[in-house]
Amino acid sequence: MLEKQVEKYLIRRTAERGGVAYKWVSPGRVGVADRIVVLPDGVVWFVEVKTVTGRLSEMQKIFAADMMRLGQNYRCVWCKEDVDELLQ
């Protein structure tokens, strides 16, 4: 499955839950998550989308560690099942 297919699935499933999956681009800052998923009741996730064969870059690993250190919700989804697990 292609990364864009997993990302489209994330967008659709997020909308079905009443949320929005914003595409995130941060000029001058590499490694940020692909999407900011905003769900009802104030739940926010920073989500990186990869394929099963993909890998996180060093900058993406640093971003993930920063989010965890700051107590933020961060997840990397590798397939549709990961998206379903995230949105349960």
N, C-alpha and C. Protein backbone atom coordinates (compact mmCIF):
# COMPACT_ATOMS: atom_id res chain seq x y z
N MET A 1 0.84 -1.18 0.00
CA MET A 1 0.00 0.00 0.00
C MET A 1 0.89 1.25 0.00
N LEU A 2 0.52 2.22 -0.80
CA LEU A 2 1.28 3.46 -0.91
C LEU A 2 1.01 4.38 0.28
N GLU A 3 1.99 5.23 0.58
CA GLU A 3 1.84 6.18 1.68
C GLU A 3 0.62 7.08 1.49
N LYS A 4 0.39 7.52 0.26
CA LYS A 4 -0.75 8.42 0.03
C LYS A 4 -2.08 7.71 0.28
N GLN A 5 -2.11 6.39 0.09
CA GLN A 5 -3.33 5.64 0.39
C GLN A 5 -3.58 5.56 1.89
N VAL A 6 -2.53 5.35 2.66
CA VAL A 6 -2.66 5.33 4.11
C VAL A 6 -3.09 6.72 4.59
N GLU A 7 -2.50 7.77 4.01
CA GLU A 7 -2.84 9.14 4.41
C GLU A 7 -4.30 9.47 4.09
N LYS A 8 -4.77 9.08 2.91
CA LYS A 8 -6.18 9.30 2.55
C LYS A 8 -7.10 8.56 3.51
N TYR A 9 -6.71 7.36 3.90
CA TYR A 9 -7.50 6.58 4.85
C TYR A 9 -7.55 7.29 6.20
N LEU A 10 -6.42 7.81 6.64
CA LEU A 10 -6.36 8.57 7.89
C LEU A 10 -7.31 9.77 7.84
N ILE A 11 -7.30 10.50 6.74
CA ILE A 11 -8.17 11.67 6.57
C ILE A 11 -9.64 11.25 6.64
N ARG A 12 -9.99 10.21 5.92
CA ARG A 12 -11.38 9.75 5.87
C ARG A 12 -11.86 9.26 7.23
N ARG A 13 -11.05 8.42 7.87
CA ARG A 13 -11.45 7.87 9.17
C ARG A 13 -11.53 8.96 10.24
N THR A 14 -10.64 9.94 10.16
CA THR A 14 -10.69 11.06 11.10
C THR A 14 -11.99 11.83 10.93
N ALA A 15 -12.38 12.09 9.68
CA ALA A 15 -13.63 12.80 9.41
C ALA A 15 -14.83 12.01 9.91
N GLU A 16 -14.79 10.71 9.76
CA GLU A 16 -15.88 9.85 10.25
C GLU A 16 -16.02 9.94 11.76
N ARG A 17 -14.94 10.23 12.46
CA ARG A 17 -14.97 10.39 13.91
C ARG A 17 -15.33 11.82 14.31
N GLY A 18 -15.60 12.69 13.31
CA GLY A 18 -15.96 14.08 13.60
C GLY A 18 -14.77 15.00 13.74
N GLY A 19 -13.60 14.56 13.28
CA GLY A 19 -12.39 15.35 13.40
C GLY A 19 -11.87 15.85 12.07
N VAL A 20 -10.70 16.46 12.13
CA VAL A 20 -10.03 16.99 10.94
C VAL A 20 -8.56 16.59 11.01
N ALA A 21 -8.02 16.15 9.86
CA ALA A 21 -6.60 15.79 9.77
C ALA A 21 -5.91 16.86 8.91
N TYR A 22 -5.36 17.86 9.57
CA TYR A 22 -4.72 18.97 8.86
C TYR A 22 -3.35 18.55 8.33
N LYS A 23 -3.07 18.93 7.08
CA LYS A 23 -1.73 18.74 6.52
C LYS A 23 -0.85 19.79 7.16
N TRP A 24 0.30 19.38 7.64
CA TRP A 24 1.17 20.31 8.35
C TRP A 24 2.49 20.46 7.63
N VAL A 25 2.80 21.71 7.30
CA VAL A 25 4.09 22.07 6.72
C VAL A 25 4.65 23.19 7.57
N SER A 26 5.87 23.05 8.00
CA SER A 26 6.49 24.05 8.87
C SER A 26 7.75 24.57 8.19
N PRO A 27 7.63 25.69 7.47
CA PRO A 27 8.80 26.24 6.76
C PRO A 27 9.99 26.44 7.71
N GLY A 28 11.14 26.01 7.25
CA GLY A 28 12.35 26.16 8.04
C GLY A 28 12.54 25.09 9.10
N ARG A 29 11.62 24.16 9.18
CA ARG A 29 11.73 23.08 10.19
C ARG A 29 11.46 21.74 9.50
N VAL A 30 12.47 20.95 9.31
CA VAL A 30 12.28 19.64 8.67
C VAL A 30 11.98 18.59 9.74
N GLY A 31 11.30 17.54 9.33
CA GLY A 31 11.05 16.43 10.22
C GLY A 31 9.73 16.47 10.96
N VAL A 32 8.93 17.54 10.76
CA VAL A 32 7.65 17.61 11.46
C VAL A 32 6.71 16.52 10.94
N ALA A 33 5.71 16.17 11.76
CA ALA A 33 4.75 15.15 11.37
C ALA A 33 3.96 15.59 10.14
N ASP A 34 3.43 14.62 9.39
CA ASP A 34 2.66 14.91 8.18
C ASP A 34 1.32 15.57 8.48
N ARG A 35 0.67 15.14 9.56
CA ARG A 35 -0.69 15.58 9.86
C ARG A 35 -0.85 15.94 11.32
N ILE A 36 -1.69 16.92 11.57
CA ILE A 36 -2.17 17.20 12.92
C ILE A 36 -3.63 16.76 12.93
N VAL A 37 -3.92 15.73 13.69
CA VAL A 37 -5.26 15.16 13.75
C VAL A 37 -5.96 15.74 14.98
N VAL A 38 -7.05 16.48 14.71
CA VAL A 38 -7.82 17.11 15.78
C VAL A 38 -9.15 16.38 15.89
N LEU A 39 -9.39 15.82 17.06
CA LEU A 39 -10.60 15.03 17.31
C LEU A 39 -11.49 15.75 18.32
N PRO A 40 -12.75 15.35 18.39
CA PRO A 40 -13.64 15.94 19.39
C PRO A 40 -13.07 15.81 20.81
N ASP A 41 -13.54 16.67 21.68
CA ASP A 41 -13.16 16.68 23.10
C ASP A 41 -11.71 17.07 23.34
N GLY A 42 -11.13 17.84 22.42
CA GLY A 42 -9.79 18.38 22.63
C GLY A 42 -8.64 17.42 22.44
N VAL A 43 -8.88 16.31 21.76
CA VAL A 43 -7.82 15.33 21.52
C VAL A 43 -7.07 15.71 20.25
N VAL A 44 -5.75 15.84 20.37
CA VAL A 44 -4.90 16.23 19.23
C VAL A 44 -3.73 15.25 19.13
N TRP A 45 -3.48 14.79 17.91
CA TRP A 45 -2.36 13.89 17.63
C TRP A 45 -1.49 14.47 16.52
N PHE A 46 -0.19 14.36 16.67
CA PHE A 46 0.76 14.63 15.59
C PHE A 46 1.04 13.27 14.95
N VAL A 47 0.74 13.14 13.65
CA VAL A 47 0.80 11.83 13.00
C VAL A 47 1.73 11.86 11.80
N GLU A 48 2.70 10.96 11.83
CA GLU A 48 3.58 10.73 10.69
C GLU A 48 3.04 9.53 9.94
N VAL A 49 2.99 9.61 8.60
CA VAL A 49 2.46 8.53 7.78
C VAL A 49 3.61 7.90 7.00
N LYS A 50 3.72 6.60 7.10
CA LYS A 50 4.74 5.84 6.37
C LYS A 50 4.10 4.59 5.79
N THR A 51 4.82 3.92 4.92
CA THR A 51 4.40 2.60 4.46
C THR A 51 5.13 1.56 5.31
N VAL A 52 4.73 0.33 5.18
CA VAL A 52 5.36 -0.73 5.96
C VAL A 52 6.86 -0.80 5.69
N THR A 53 7.26 -0.48 4.48
CA THR A 53 8.69 -0.53 4.13
C THR A 53 9.40 0.80 4.36
N GLY A 54 8.67 1.83 4.78
CA GLY A 54 9.28 3.15 5.00
C GLY A 54 10.11 3.19 6.27
N ARG A 55 10.80 4.30 6.46
CA ARG A 55 11.59 4.48 7.68
C ARG A 55 11.57 5.96 8.06
N LEU A 56 11.70 6.22 9.33
CA LEU A 56 11.76 7.60 9.82
C LEU A 56 13.16 8.16 9.59
N SER A 57 13.22 9.40 9.11
CA SER A 57 14.52 10.07 8.97
C SER A 57 15.01 10.45 10.37
N GLU A 58 16.27 10.82 10.47
CA GLU A 58 16.81 11.24 11.76
C GLU A 58 16.06 12.45 12.30
N MET A 59 15.70 13.39 11.42
CA MET A 59 14.97 14.58 11.86
C MET A 59 13.56 14.22 12.34
N GLN A 60 12.94 13.25 11.69
CA GLN A 60 11.62 12.79 12.13
C GLN A 60 11.71 12.10 13.49
N LYS A 61 12.78 11.37 13.73
CA LYS A 61 12.99 10.73 15.03
C LYS A 61 13.18 11.79 16.12
N ILE A 62 13.90 12.86 15.79
CA ILE A 62 14.10 13.96 16.75
C ILE A 62 12.77 14.63 17.06
N PHE A 63 11.96 14.88 16.01
CA PHE A 63 10.65 15.49 16.22
C PHE A 63 9.79 14.60 17.12
N ALA A 64 9.76 13.30 16.85
CA ALA A 64 8.98 12.37 17.66
C ALA A 64 9.43 12.41 19.12
N ALA A 65 10.73 12.41 19.34
CA ALA A 65 11.26 12.46 20.71
C ALA A 65 10.89 13.78 21.38
N ASP A 66 10.94 14.87 20.64
CA ASP A 66 10.55 16.18 21.19
C ASP A 66 9.09 16.17 21.62
N MET A 67 8.22 15.62 20.77
CA MET A 67 6.79 15.60 21.10
C MET A 67 6.54 14.75 22.35
N MET A 68 7.21 13.62 22.44
CA MET A 68 7.03 12.75 23.62
C MET A 68 7.58 13.44 24.87
N ARG A 69 8.72 14.11 24.74
CA ARG A 69 9.30 14.82 25.88
C ARG A 69 8.37 15.92 26.36
N LEU A 70 7.64 16.54 25.45
CA LEU A 70 6.71 17.62 25.78
C LEU A 70 5.33 17.11 26.19
N GLY A 71 5.16 15.80 26.23
CA GLY A 71 3.90 15.22 26.66
C GLY A 71 2.80 15.31 25.62
N GLN A 72 3.18 15.42 24.34
CA GLN A 72 2.21 15.50 23.26
C GLN A 72 1.87 14.11 22.73
N ASN A 73 0.73 13.99 22.09
CA ASN A 73 0.33 12.74 21.45
C ASN A 73 1.00 12.66 20.08
N TYR A 74 1.87 11.70 19.89
CA TYR A 74 2.56 11.49 18.62
C TYR A 74 2.43 10.03 18.23
N ARG A 75 2.20 9.79 16.95
CA ARG A 75 2.11 8.41 16.46
C ARG A 75 2.59 8.37 15.02
N CYS A 76 3.27 7.31 14.68
CA CYS A 76 3.60 7.01 13.30
C CYS A 76 2.68 5.87 12.88
N VAL A 77 1.94 6.06 11.79
CA VAL A 77 1.07 5.01 11.28
C VAL A 77 1.70 4.43 10.02
N TRP A 78 1.73 3.11 9.96
CA TRP A 78 2.39 2.39 8.87
C TRP A 78 1.40 1.71 7.93
N CYS A 79 0.13 1.60 8.36
CA CYS A 79 -0.87 0.88 7.58
C CYS A 79 -2.27 1.28 8.07
N LYS A 80 -3.30 0.80 7.38
CA LYS A 80 -4.67 1.11 7.77
C LYS A 80 -4.99 0.62 9.18
N GLU A 81 -4.46 -0.52 9.55
CA GLU A 81 -4.72 -1.06 10.89
C GLU A 81 -4.18 -0.12 11.97
N ASP A 82 -3.04 0.51 11.72
CA ASP A 82 -2.49 1.48 12.67
C ASP A 82 -3.40 2.70 12.81
N VAL A 83 -3.98 3.12 11.68
CA VAL A 83 -4.92 4.25 11.69
C VAL A 83 -6.14 3.87 12.54
N ASP A 84 -6.68 2.68 12.31
CA ASP A 84 -7.84 2.22 13.08
C ASP A 84 -7.54 2.17 14.57
N GLU A 85 -6.35 1.69 14.92
CA GLU A 85 -5.94 1.61 16.33
C GLU A 85 -5.83 3.02 16.94
N LEU A 86 -5.25 3.93 16.20
CA LEU A 86 -5.10 5.31 16.68
C LEU A 86 -6.46 5.96 16.96
N LEU A 87 -7.43 5.70 16.10
CA LEU A 87 -8.71 6.40 16.18
C LEU A 87 -9.75 5.67 17.02
N GLN A 88 -9.38 4.59 17.68
CA GLN A 88 -10.33 3.87 18.56
C GLN A 88 -10.57 4.66 19.82
